[in-house]
Amino acid sequence: MQDDRIIDLYFQRDERALYETSEKYGNYCRTIARNILRDEENVNECFNDTLYCSWNTIPPTKPNSLKLFLGKITRNLSLKSIEKKFAAKRGGGEAGAPIDELADCLADANQANPERIVEDMVIREVLEQFLKDMTPQNRRMFVRRYWYCSSIKEIAVAFDMTESNVSTNLSRIRGKLKDALMKAGITL
């Protein structure tokens, strides 16, 4: 079923929207959750929460891309779950590693003030330009690691590279990102 039709079902408050969402995007959302949570029981719980969130958010929200909308909800719920379960030790292992790797590039996200809001907008612009300037392979690798939280091993298999090459490549990308943020005046 087409996304527009699924969204229409949400707006009609027809429960078939949940079934169609699950059929079309269940595997996609579960893969995102699995990459972060690494526990099948939590993956299924997260996907159910994603469906619940989508039901409560559509309407009034009408997403431009249902796939990206659901992916973002799943990712955020997965990260919140990790944060809740492993508050003392962020990530509890491999799942938090991608976020920890980027910590050196980004300032403390707990600062809530007008200056921080402006800085966040600048970071978004710098990141968007940074991604545009990357080679397609590096961009895909970056997104797989830092958005989908894929493991180094999974990326190595997907790109037919050694894990060492992937790690080195990601390290170089992070260094370039750090430089780009510093040039934009972002405090680290």
N, C-alpha and C. Protein backbone atom coordinates (compact mmCIF):
# COMPACT_ATOMS: atom_id res chain seq x y z
N MET A 1 0.84 -1.18 0.00
CA MET A 1 0.00 0.00 0.00
C MET A 1 0.89 1.25 0.00
N GLN A 2 0.47 2.25 -0.74
CA GLN A 2 1.22 3.50 -0.84
C GLN A 2 1.16 4.27 0.49
N ASP A 3 2.23 5.02 0.77
CA ASP A 3 2.30 5.78 2.01
C ASP A 3 1.15 6.76 2.17
N ASP A 4 0.77 7.44 1.09
CA ASP A 4 -0.34 8.40 1.18
C ASP A 4 -1.62 7.72 1.65
N ARG A 5 -1.85 6.53 1.17
CA ARG A 5 -3.06 5.78 1.57
C ARG A 5 -2.97 5.37 3.04
N ILE A 6 -1.78 4.95 3.48
CA ILE A 6 -1.61 4.58 4.90
C ILE A 6 -1.85 5.80 5.79
N ILE A 7 -1.31 6.94 5.38
CA ILE A 7 -1.51 8.17 6.17
C ILE A 7 -2.98 8.54 6.20
N ASP A 8 -3.67 8.36 5.08
CA ASP A 8 -5.12 8.61 5.05
C ASP A 8 -5.84 7.73 6.07
N LEU A 9 -5.42 6.47 6.18
CA LEU A 9 -6.04 5.57 7.16
C LEU A 9 -5.82 6.10 8.59
N TYR A 10 -4.64 6.63 8.86
CA TYR A 10 -4.40 7.24 10.17
C TYR A 10 -5.36 8.40 10.40
N PHE A 11 -5.51 9.25 9.39
CA PHE A 11 -6.38 10.41 9.53
C PHE A 11 -7.85 10.00 9.69
N GLN A 12 -8.22 8.86 9.14
CA GLN A 12 -9.58 8.35 9.29
C GLN A 12 -9.74 7.59 10.61
N ARG A 13 -8.62 7.44 11.35
CA ARG A 13 -8.58 6.70 12.62
C ARG A 13 -8.96 5.24 12.40
N ASP A 14 -8.55 4.72 11.26
CA ASP A 14 -8.80 3.33 10.89
C ASP A 14 -7.61 2.49 11.36
N GLU A 15 -7.87 1.50 12.18
CA GLU A 15 -6.80 0.68 12.76
C GLU A 15 -6.03 -0.13 11.71
N ARG A 16 -6.55 -0.22 10.51
CA ARG A 16 -5.79 -0.88 9.43
C ARG A 16 -4.48 -0.15 9.16
N ALA A 17 -4.42 1.12 9.53
CA ALA A 17 -3.19 1.90 9.35
C ALA A 17 -2.03 1.24 10.09
N LEU A 18 -2.31 0.74 11.27
CA LEU A 18 -1.27 0.08 12.06
C LEU A 18 -0.82 -1.22 11.40
N TYR A 19 -1.76 -1.97 10.89
CA TYR A 19 -1.44 -3.22 10.19
C TYR A 19 -0.59 -2.93 8.95
N GLU A 20 -1.04 -1.96 8.15
CA GLU A 20 -0.32 -1.62 6.91
C GLU A 20 1.08 -1.07 7.22
N THR A 21 1.17 -0.27 8.27
CA THR A 21 2.48 0.26 8.69
C THR A 21 3.40 -0.88 9.08
N SER A 22 2.87 -1.80 9.83
CA SER A 22 3.65 -2.96 10.29
C SER A 22 4.10 -3.80 9.10
N GLU A 23 3.22 -4.03 8.16
CA GLU A 23 3.54 -4.83 6.98
C GLU A 23 4.64 -4.17 6.14
N LYS A 24 4.51 -2.87 5.93
CA LYS A 24 5.43 -2.18 5.03
C LYS A 24 6.75 -1.78 5.70
N TYR A 25 6.67 -1.36 6.97
CA TYR A 25 7.86 -0.80 7.62
C TYR A 25 8.30 -1.52 8.89
N GLY A 26 7.68 -2.64 9.18
CA GLY A 26 8.04 -3.38 10.38
C GLY A 26 9.50 -3.82 10.40
N ASN A 27 9.96 -4.42 9.30
CA ASN A 27 11.36 -4.87 9.24
C ASN A 27 12.33 -3.70 9.32
N TYR A 28 12.02 -2.63 8.63
CA TYR A 28 12.86 -1.43 8.64
C TYR A 28 13.01 -0.88 10.06
N CYS A 29 11.90 -0.71 10.75
CA CYS A 29 11.94 -0.17 12.12
C CYS A 29 12.62 -1.13 13.08
N ARG A 30 12.34 -2.41 12.94
CA ARG A 30 12.98 -3.39 13.82
C ARG A 30 14.49 -3.44 13.61
N THR A 31 14.94 -3.25 12.38
CA THR A 31 16.38 -3.23 12.12
C THR A 31 17.03 -2.05 12.82
N ILE A 32 16.41 -0.89 12.77
CA ILE A 32 16.94 0.28 13.47
C ILE A 32 17.01 -0.01 14.96
N ALA A 33 15.92 -0.52 15.52
CA ALA A 33 15.88 -0.81 16.96
C ALA A 33 16.90 -1.89 17.33
N ARG A 34 17.02 -2.90 16.50
CA ARG A 34 17.96 -4.01 16.77
C ARG A 34 19.40 -3.51 16.78
N ASN A 35 19.74 -2.61 15.87
CA ASN A 35 21.10 -2.07 15.82
C ASN A 35 21.44 -1.30 17.09
N ILE A 36 20.45 -0.73 17.73
CA ILE A 36 20.69 0.05 18.93
C ILE A 36 20.51 -0.79 20.19
N LEU A 37 19.45 -1.57 20.25
CA LEU A 37 19.10 -2.28 21.49
C LEU A 37 19.76 -3.64 21.64
N ARG A 38 19.98 -4.34 20.52
CA ARG A 38 20.64 -5.65 20.53
C ARG A 38 19.92 -6.69 21.40
N ASP A 39 18.62 -6.55 21.53
CA ASP A 39 17.83 -7.49 22.33
C ASP A 39 16.45 -7.61 21.70
N GLU A 40 16.12 -8.79 21.22
CA GLU A 40 14.89 -8.98 20.42
C GLU A 40 13.62 -8.60 21.18
N GLU A 41 13.57 -8.90 22.46
CA GLU A 41 12.38 -8.55 23.25
C GLU A 41 12.20 -7.03 23.28
N ASN A 42 13.30 -6.31 23.50
CA ASN A 42 13.24 -4.84 23.51
C ASN A 42 12.95 -4.29 22.12
N VAL A 43 13.42 -4.96 21.08
CA VAL A 43 13.16 -4.54 19.71
C VAL A 43 11.66 -4.57 19.44
N ASN A 44 11.01 -5.66 19.80
CA ASN A 44 9.57 -5.78 19.57
C ASN A 44 8.79 -4.75 20.40
N GLU A 45 9.22 -4.53 21.62
CA GLU A 45 8.57 -3.54 22.48
C GLU A 45 8.72 -2.14 21.86
N CYS A 46 9.90 -1.86 21.37
CA CYS A 46 10.16 -0.56 20.75
C CYS A 46 9.31 -0.38 19.50
N PHE A 47 9.17 -1.44 18.69
CA PHE A 47 8.35 -1.31 17.49
C PHE A 47 6.89 -1.08 17.87
N ASN A 48 6.40 -1.77 18.89
CA ASN A 48 5.03 -1.53 19.35
C ASN A 48 4.86 -0.08 19.82
N ASP A 49 5.88 0.43 20.51
CA ASP A 49 5.83 1.83 20.95
C ASP A 49 5.86 2.78 19.75
N THR A 50 6.58 2.40 18.70
CA THR A 50 6.61 3.21 17.48
C THR A 50 5.21 3.28 16.86
N LEU A 51 4.54 2.15 16.80
CA LEU A 51 3.17 2.14 16.27
C LEU A 51 2.25 3.01 17.13
N TYR A 52 2.39 2.88 18.43
CA TYR A 52 1.57 3.67 19.37
C TYR A 52 1.82 5.17 19.15
N CYS A 53 3.10 5.53 19.03
CA CYS A 53 3.47 6.93 18.81
C CYS A 53 2.92 7.44 17.49
N SER A 54 3.04 6.63 16.45
CA SER A 54 2.54 7.07 15.15
C SER A 54 1.02 7.26 15.20
N TRP A 55 0.33 6.39 15.90
CA TRP A 55 -1.12 6.49 16.04
C TRP A 55 -1.51 7.79 16.76
N ASN A 56 -0.73 8.16 17.77
CA ASN A 56 -1.04 9.36 18.55
C ASN A 56 -0.52 10.65 17.90
N THR A 57 0.34 10.52 16.90
CA THR A 57 0.93 11.70 16.28
C THR A 57 0.30 12.02 14.93
N ILE A 58 -0.16 11.00 14.23
CA ILE A 58 -0.84 11.19 12.94
C ILE A 58 -2.32 10.96 13.17
N PRO A 59 -3.20 11.86 12.99
CA PRO A 59 -3.02 13.29 12.92
C PRO A 59 -2.67 13.88 14.28
N PRO A 60 -2.26 15.10 14.37
CA PRO A 60 -2.35 16.17 13.39
C PRO A 60 -1.17 16.19 12.41
N THR A 61 -0.05 15.56 12.78
CA THR A 61 1.12 15.58 11.90
C THR A 61 0.84 14.78 10.64
N LYS A 62 1.26 15.34 9.51
CA LYS A 62 1.17 14.61 8.25
C LYS A 62 2.59 14.53 7.69
N PRO A 63 3.27 13.39 7.92
CA PRO A 63 4.67 13.28 7.51
C PRO A 63 4.84 13.33 5.99
N ASN A 64 5.94 13.99 5.58
CA ASN A 64 6.29 14.01 4.15
C ASN A 64 6.77 12.63 3.70
N SER A 65 7.51 11.98 4.59
CA SER A 65 8.02 10.64 4.31
C SER A 65 7.67 9.75 5.49
N LEU A 66 6.74 8.84 5.30
CA LEU A 66 6.32 7.96 6.39
C LEU A 66 7.48 7.10 6.87
N LYS A 67 8.30 6.63 5.96
CA LYS A 67 9.44 5.79 6.31
C LYS A 67 10.40 6.53 7.23
N LEU A 68 10.79 7.74 6.86
CA LEU A 68 11.71 8.52 7.69
C LEU A 68 11.07 8.91 9.01
N PHE A 69 9.80 9.22 8.99
CA PHE A 69 9.06 9.57 10.19
C PHE A 69 9.09 8.41 11.19
N LEU A 70 8.78 7.22 10.71
CA LEU A 70 8.79 6.03 11.58
C LEU A 70 10.21 5.69 12.03
N GLY A 71 11.18 5.84 11.13
CA GLY A 71 12.57 5.57 11.48
C GLY A 71 13.06 6.48 12.60
N LYS A 72 12.68 7.74 12.52
CA LYS A 72 13.10 8.70 13.55
C LYS A 72 12.45 8.37 14.89
N ILE A 73 11.18 8.03 14.87
CA ILE A 73 10.50 7.65 16.12
C ILE A 73 11.18 6.42 16.72
N THR A 74 11.42 5.41 15.89
CA THR A 74 12.05 4.17 16.36
C THR A 74 13.42 4.44 16.95
N ARG A 75 14.21 5.22 16.25
CA ARG A 75 15.56 5.54 16.72
C ARG A 75 15.51 6.27 18.06
N ASN A 76 14.65 7.28 18.16
CA ASN A 76 14.55 8.05 19.40
C ASN A 76 14.07 7.18 20.57
N LEU A 77 13.09 6.33 20.31
CA LEU A 77 12.60 5.44 21.37
C LEU A 77 13.68 4.44 21.79
N SER A 78 14.44 3.94 20.83
CA SER A 78 15.51 2.99 21.13
C SER A 78 16.59 3.65 21.98
N LEU A 79 16.98 4.86 21.61
CA LEU A 79 18.00 5.57 22.37
C LEU A 79 17.51 5.91 23.78
N LYS A 80 16.24 6.28 23.90
CA LYS A 80 15.68 6.56 25.24
C LYS A 80 15.67 5.30 26.08
N SER A 81 15.37 4.17 25.46
CA SER A 81 15.37 2.89 26.18
C SER A 81 16.76 2.56 26.70
N ILE A 82 17.76 2.75 25.85
CA ILE A 82 19.15 2.51 26.25
C ILE A 82 19.53 3.44 27.40
N GLU A 83 19.17 4.70 27.24
CA GLU A 83 19.50 5.70 28.26
C GLU A 83 18.88 5.34 29.60
N LYS A 84 17.65 4.88 29.55
CA LYS A 84 16.94 4.50 30.77
C LYS A 84 17.58 3.29 31.45
N LYS A 85 17.89 2.27 30.67
CA LYS A 85 18.39 1.02 31.22
C LYS A 85 19.83 1.10 31.68
N PHE A 86 20.61 1.95 31.03
CA PHE A 86 22.03 2.02 31.35
C PHE A 86 22.45 3.44 31.69
N ALA A 87 21.69 4.08 32.57
CA ALA A 87 21.97 5.47 32.91
C ALA A 87 23.37 5.64 33.47
N ALA A 88 23.84 4.70 34.24
CA ALA A 88 25.16 4.82 34.85
C ALA A 88 26.27 4.62 33.82
N LYS A 89 26.05 3.73 32.87
CA LYS A 89 27.08 3.45 31.86
C LYS A 89 26.42 3.58 30.50
N ARG A 90 26.48 4.75 29.89
CA ARG A 90 25.76 5.04 28.67
C ARG A 90 26.05 4.00 27.59
N GLY A 91 24.97 3.45 27.07
CA GLY A 91 25.07 2.52 25.96
C GLY A 91 25.24 1.08 26.39
N GLY A 92 25.84 0.84 27.54
CA GLY A 92 26.03 -0.53 28.00
C GLY A 92 26.83 -1.37 27.04
N GLY A 93 27.68 -0.76 26.25
CA GLY A 93 28.49 -1.55 25.32
C GLY A 93 28.41 -1.01 23.92
N GLU A 94 28.34 -1.89 22.95
CA GLU A 94 28.43 -1.55 21.53
C GLU A 94 27.31 -0.61 21.08
N ALA A 95 26.11 -0.75 21.66
CA ALA A 95 24.99 0.06 21.19
C ALA A 95 25.24 1.55 21.36
N GLY A 96 25.93 1.96 22.41
CA GLY A 96 26.21 3.37 22.62
C GLY A 96 27.47 3.85 21.96
N ALA A 97 28.24 2.96 21.39
CA ALA A 97 29.54 3.33 20.82
C ALA A 97 29.46 4.40 19.74
N PRO A 98 28.52 4.34 18.78
CA PRO A 98 28.48 5.39 17.76
C PRO A 98 28.25 6.77 18.37
N ILE A 99 27.40 6.86 19.36
CA ILE A 99 27.12 8.15 20.00
C ILE A 99 28.37 8.63 20.75
N ASP A 100 29.02 7.72 21.45
CA ASP A 100 30.24 8.07 22.18
C ASP A 100 31.33 8.53 21.23
N GLU A 101 31.42 7.93 20.04
CA GLU A 101 32.44 8.31 19.06
C GLU A 101 32.28 9.76 18.61
N LEU A 102 31.04 10.21 18.52
CA LEU A 102 30.79 11.58 18.07
C LEU A 102 30.88 12.60 19.21
N ALA A 103 30.97 12.14 20.45
CA ALA A 103 30.97 13.04 21.60
C ALA A 103 32.09 14.08 21.51
N ASP A 104 33.23 13.71 20.97
CA ASP A 104 34.35 14.65 20.86
C ASP A 104 34.07 15.74 19.83
N CYS A 105 33.14 15.50 18.93
CA CYS A 105 32.85 16.48 17.89
C CYS A 105 31.77 17.47 18.30
N LEU A 106 30.97 17.11 19.29
CA LEU A 106 29.82 17.92 19.65
C LEU A 106 29.91 18.44 21.08
N ALA A 107 29.37 19.61 21.30
CA ALA A 107 29.37 20.21 22.63
C ALA A 107 28.31 19.54 23.49
N ASP A 108 28.31 19.86 24.77
CA ASP A 108 27.36 19.29 25.73
C ASP A 108 25.93 19.64 25.33
N ALA A 109 25.13 18.62 25.07
CA ALA A 109 23.76 18.84 24.61
C ALA A 109 22.81 19.22 25.74
N ASN A 110 23.26 19.22 26.98
CA ASN A 110 22.38 19.53 28.11
C ASN A 110 22.24 21.02 28.36
N GLN A 111 22.94 21.85 27.61
CA GLN A 111 22.84 23.29 27.79
C GLN A 111 21.57 23.77 27.12
N ALA A 112 20.65 24.30 27.91
CA ALA A 112 19.39 24.80 27.35
C ALA A 112 19.36 26.31 27.51
N ASN A 113 19.74 27.03 26.47
CA ASN A 113 19.70 28.48 26.48
C ASN A 113 19.64 28.97 25.04
N PRO A 114 19.32 30.26 24.86
CA PRO A 114 19.19 30.78 23.49
C PRO A 114 20.45 30.61 22.65
N GLU A 115 21.61 30.80 23.26
CA GLU A 115 22.86 30.63 22.51
C GLU A 115 23.00 29.20 22.03
N ARG A 116 22.59 28.25 22.85
CA ARG A 116 22.69 26.84 22.48
C ARG A 116 21.75 26.53 21.32
N ILE A 117 20.58 27.15 21.33
CA ILE A 117 19.61 26.92 20.25
C ILE A 117 20.19 27.40 18.92
N VAL A 118 20.81 28.59 18.91
CA VAL A 118 21.44 29.11 17.70
C VAL A 118 22.58 28.19 17.28
N GLU A 119 23.38 27.75 18.27
CA GLU A 119 24.49 26.85 17.96
C GLU A 119 23.98 25.55 17.34
N ASP A 120 22.87 25.02 17.85
CA ASP A 120 22.30 23.80 17.29
C ASP A 120 21.90 23.99 15.83
N MET A 121 21.37 25.18 15.49
CA MET A 121 21.00 25.46 14.11
C MET A 121 22.24 25.51 13.23
N VAL A 122 23.31 26.11 13.74
CA VAL A 122 24.55 26.18 12.97
C VAL A 122 25.11 24.77 12.78
N ILE A 123 25.08 23.95 13.84
CA ILE A 123 25.56 22.57 13.75
C ILE A 123 24.79 21.82 12.66
N ARG A 124 23.49 22.00 12.63
CA ARG A 124 22.67 21.31 11.63
C ARG A 124 23.09 21.73 10.22
N GLU A 125 23.30 23.04 10.01
CA GLU A 125 23.71 23.52 8.70
C GLU A 125 25.09 22.98 8.31
N VAL A 126 26.03 23.01 9.27
CA VAL A 126 27.38 22.51 9.00
C VAL A 126 27.32 21.02 8.67
N LEU A 127 26.53 20.27 9.43
CA LEU A 127 26.41 18.83 9.21
C LEU A 127 25.80 18.53 7.84
N GLU A 128 24.77 19.28 7.48
CA GLU A 128 24.15 19.08 6.17
C GLU A 128 25.16 19.32 5.05
N GLN A 129 25.94 20.41 5.15
CA GLN A 129 26.94 20.71 4.13
C GLN A 129 28.05 19.66 4.15
N PHE A 130 28.44 19.25 5.34
CA PHE A 130 29.47 18.22 5.49
C PHE A 130 29.05 16.94 4.78
N LEU A 131 27.80 16.53 4.98
CA LEU A 131 27.30 15.31 4.32
C LEU A 131 27.26 15.48 2.80
N LYS A 132 26.86 16.66 2.33
CA LYS A 132 26.81 16.90 0.88
C LYS A 132 28.19 16.82 0.25
N ASP A 133 29.21 17.28 1.00
CA ASP A 133 30.57 17.31 0.46
C ASP A 133 31.27 15.96 0.50
N MET A 134 30.73 15.00 1.20
CA MET A 134 31.36 13.68 1.33
C MET A 134 31.17 12.86 0.06
N THR A 135 32.04 11.88 -0.12
CA THR A 135 31.82 10.93 -1.21
C THR A 135 30.58 10.11 -0.87
N PRO A 136 29.89 9.59 -1.85
CA PRO A 136 28.69 8.80 -1.56
C PRO A 136 28.97 7.63 -0.61
N GLN A 137 30.10 6.95 -0.80
CA GLN A 137 30.42 5.81 0.07
C GLN A 137 30.64 6.26 1.51
N ASN A 138 31.40 7.32 1.70
CA ASN A 138 31.65 7.82 3.05
C ASN A 138 30.36 8.31 3.70
N ARG A 139 29.50 8.96 2.92
CA ARG A 139 28.22 9.43 3.46
C ARG A 139 27.37 8.25 3.92
N ARG A 140 27.30 7.20 3.10
CA ARG A 140 26.51 6.02 3.47
C ARG A 140 27.10 5.36 4.73
N MET A 141 28.41 5.29 4.78
CA MET A 141 29.09 4.69 5.93
C MET A 141 28.80 5.51 7.20
N PHE A 142 28.91 6.82 7.09
CA PHE A 142 28.65 7.73 8.21
C PHE A 142 27.22 7.56 8.72
N VAL A 143 26.26 7.58 7.79
CA VAL A 143 24.85 7.45 8.17
C VAL A 143 24.57 6.07 8.78
N ARG A 144 25.13 5.03 8.20
CA ARG A 144 24.94 3.67 8.76
C ARG A 144 25.43 3.61 10.20
N ARG A 145 26.60 4.22 10.45
CA ARG A 145 27.19 4.14 11.80
C ARG A 145 26.50 5.07 12.78
N TYR A 146 26.28 6.32 12.40
CA TYR A 146 25.83 7.32 13.38
C TYR A 146 24.34 7.62 13.35
N TRP A 147 23.62 7.13 12.39
CA TRP A 147 22.16 7.25 12.42
C TRP A 147 21.53 5.89 12.74
N TYR A 148 21.92 4.88 11.97
CA TYR A 148 21.34 3.56 12.18
C TYR A 148 22.08 2.74 13.23
N CYS A 149 23.20 3.24 13.73
CA CYS A 149 24.00 2.58 14.77
C CYS A 149 24.44 1.17 14.37
N SER A 150 24.75 0.99 13.11
CA SER A 150 25.26 -0.31 12.64
C SER A 150 26.63 -0.53 13.25
N SER A 151 26.96 -1.79 13.51
CA SER A 151 28.27 -2.11 14.06
C SER A 151 29.34 -1.97 12.97
N ILE A 152 30.58 -1.86 13.42
CA ILE A 152 31.71 -1.78 12.48
C ILE A 152 31.71 -3.03 11.59
N LYS A 153 31.44 -4.17 12.20
CA LYS A 153 31.43 -5.43 11.45
C LYS A 153 30.35 -5.41 10.36
N GLU A 154 29.15 -4.95 10.69
CA GLU A 154 28.07 -4.88 9.71
C GLU A 154 28.43 -3.95 8.55
N ILE A 155 29.05 -2.83 8.87
CA ILE A 155 29.45 -1.89 7.82
C ILE A 155 30.54 -2.51 6.95
N ALA A 156 31.49 -3.19 7.58
CA ALA A 156 32.57 -3.83 6.83
C ALA A 156 32.01 -4.84 5.83
N VAL A 157 31.05 -5.63 6.26
CA VAL A 157 30.44 -6.62 5.36
C VAL A 157 29.68 -5.91 4.24
N ALA A 158 28.93 -4.88 4.57
CA ALA A 158 28.13 -4.17 3.57
C ALA A 158 29.00 -3.48 2.51
N PHE A 159 30.17 -3.00 2.92
CA PHE A 159 31.03 -2.27 1.99
C PHE A 159 32.20 -3.10 1.49
N ASP A 160 32.21 -4.37 1.84
CA ASP A 160 33.27 -5.28 1.42
C ASP A 160 34.65 -4.72 1.78
N MET A 161 34.77 -4.35 3.07
CA MET A 161 36.01 -3.78 3.60
C MET A 161 36.38 -4.54 4.87
N THR A 162 37.59 -4.35 5.33
CA THR A 162 37.96 -4.92 6.62
C THR A 162 37.43 -4.01 7.72
N GLU A 163 37.26 -4.58 8.90
CA GLU A 163 36.79 -3.78 10.03
C GLU A 163 37.79 -2.67 10.35
N SER A 164 39.08 -2.97 10.20
CA SER A 164 40.12 -1.98 10.45
C SER A 164 39.99 -0.80 9.48
N ASN A 165 39.73 -1.09 8.22
CA ASN A 165 39.56 -0.02 7.22
C ASN A 165 38.33 0.84 7.53
N VAL A 166 37.26 0.19 7.95
CA VAL A 166 36.05 0.93 8.31
C VAL A 166 36.34 1.84 9.50
N SER A 167 36.98 1.31 10.53
CA SER A 167 37.31 2.10 11.72
C SER A 167 38.18 3.29 11.36
N THR A 168 39.19 3.06 10.54
CA THR A 168 40.09 4.13 10.13
C THR A 168 39.34 5.19 9.33
N ASN A 169 38.50 4.73 8.41
CA ASN A 169 37.73 5.65 7.59
C ASN A 169 36.79 6.51 8.44
N LEU A 170 36.10 5.88 9.38
CA LEU A 170 35.19 6.61 10.26
C LEU A 170 35.95 7.59 11.15
N SER A 171 37.12 7.21 11.59
CA SER A 171 37.95 8.09 12.40
C SER A 171 38.33 9.34 11.61
N ARG A 172 38.71 9.15 10.37
CA ARG A 172 39.06 10.29 9.51
C ARG A 172 37.85 11.19 9.27
N ILE A 173 36.70 10.57 9.06
CA ILE A 173 35.47 11.34 8.83
C ILE A 173 35.15 12.18 10.07
N ARG A 174 35.27 11.56 11.26
CA ARG A 174 35.01 12.31 12.50
C ARG A 174 35.98 13.47 12.64
N GLY A 175 37.25 13.25 12.28
CA GLY A 175 38.24 14.32 12.34
C GLY A 175 37.86 15.48 11.43
N LYS A 176 37.41 15.16 10.22
CA LYS A 176 36.99 16.20 9.27
C LYS A 176 35.75 16.93 9.79
N LEU A 177 34.83 16.18 10.41
CA LEU A 177 33.64 16.81 10.99
C LEU A 177 34.03 17.76 12.11
N LYS A 178 34.94 17.33 12.94
CA LYS A 178 35.41 18.17 14.04
C LYS A 178 36.02 19.46 13.49
N ASP A 179 36.84 19.33 12.45
CA ASP A 179 37.45 20.51 11.82
C ASP A 179 36.37 21.44 11.25
N ALA A 180 35.39 20.87 10.57
CA ALA A 180 34.31 21.68 9.98
C ALA A 180 33.53 22.43 11.06
N LEU A 181 33.27 21.76 12.17
CA LEU A 181 32.55 22.42 13.27
C LEU A 181 33.39 23.53 13.88
N MET A 182 34.68 23.29 14.06
CA MET A 182 35.56 24.30 14.63
C MET A 182 35.65 25.52 13.70
N LYS A 183 35.73 25.29 12.38
CA LYS A 183 35.78 26.40 11.41
C LYS A 183 34.50 27.23 11.46
N ALA A 184 33.39 26.59 11.81
CA ALA A 184 32.11 27.29 11.91
C ALA A 184 31.95 27.98 13.26
N GLY A 185 32.95 27.85 14.12
CA GLY A 185 32.90 28.50 15.42
C GLY A 185 32.13 27.75 16.48
N ILE A 186 31.93 26.45 16.27
CA ILE A 186 31.23 25.62 17.24
C ILE A 186 32.22 25.21 18.31
N THR A 187 31.88 25.50 19.57
CA THR A 187 32.78 25.14 20.66
C THR A 187 32.69 23.63 20.93
N LEU A 188 33.82 23.04 21.19
CA LEU A 188 33.87 21.61 21.42
C LEU A 188 34.20 21.32 22.88
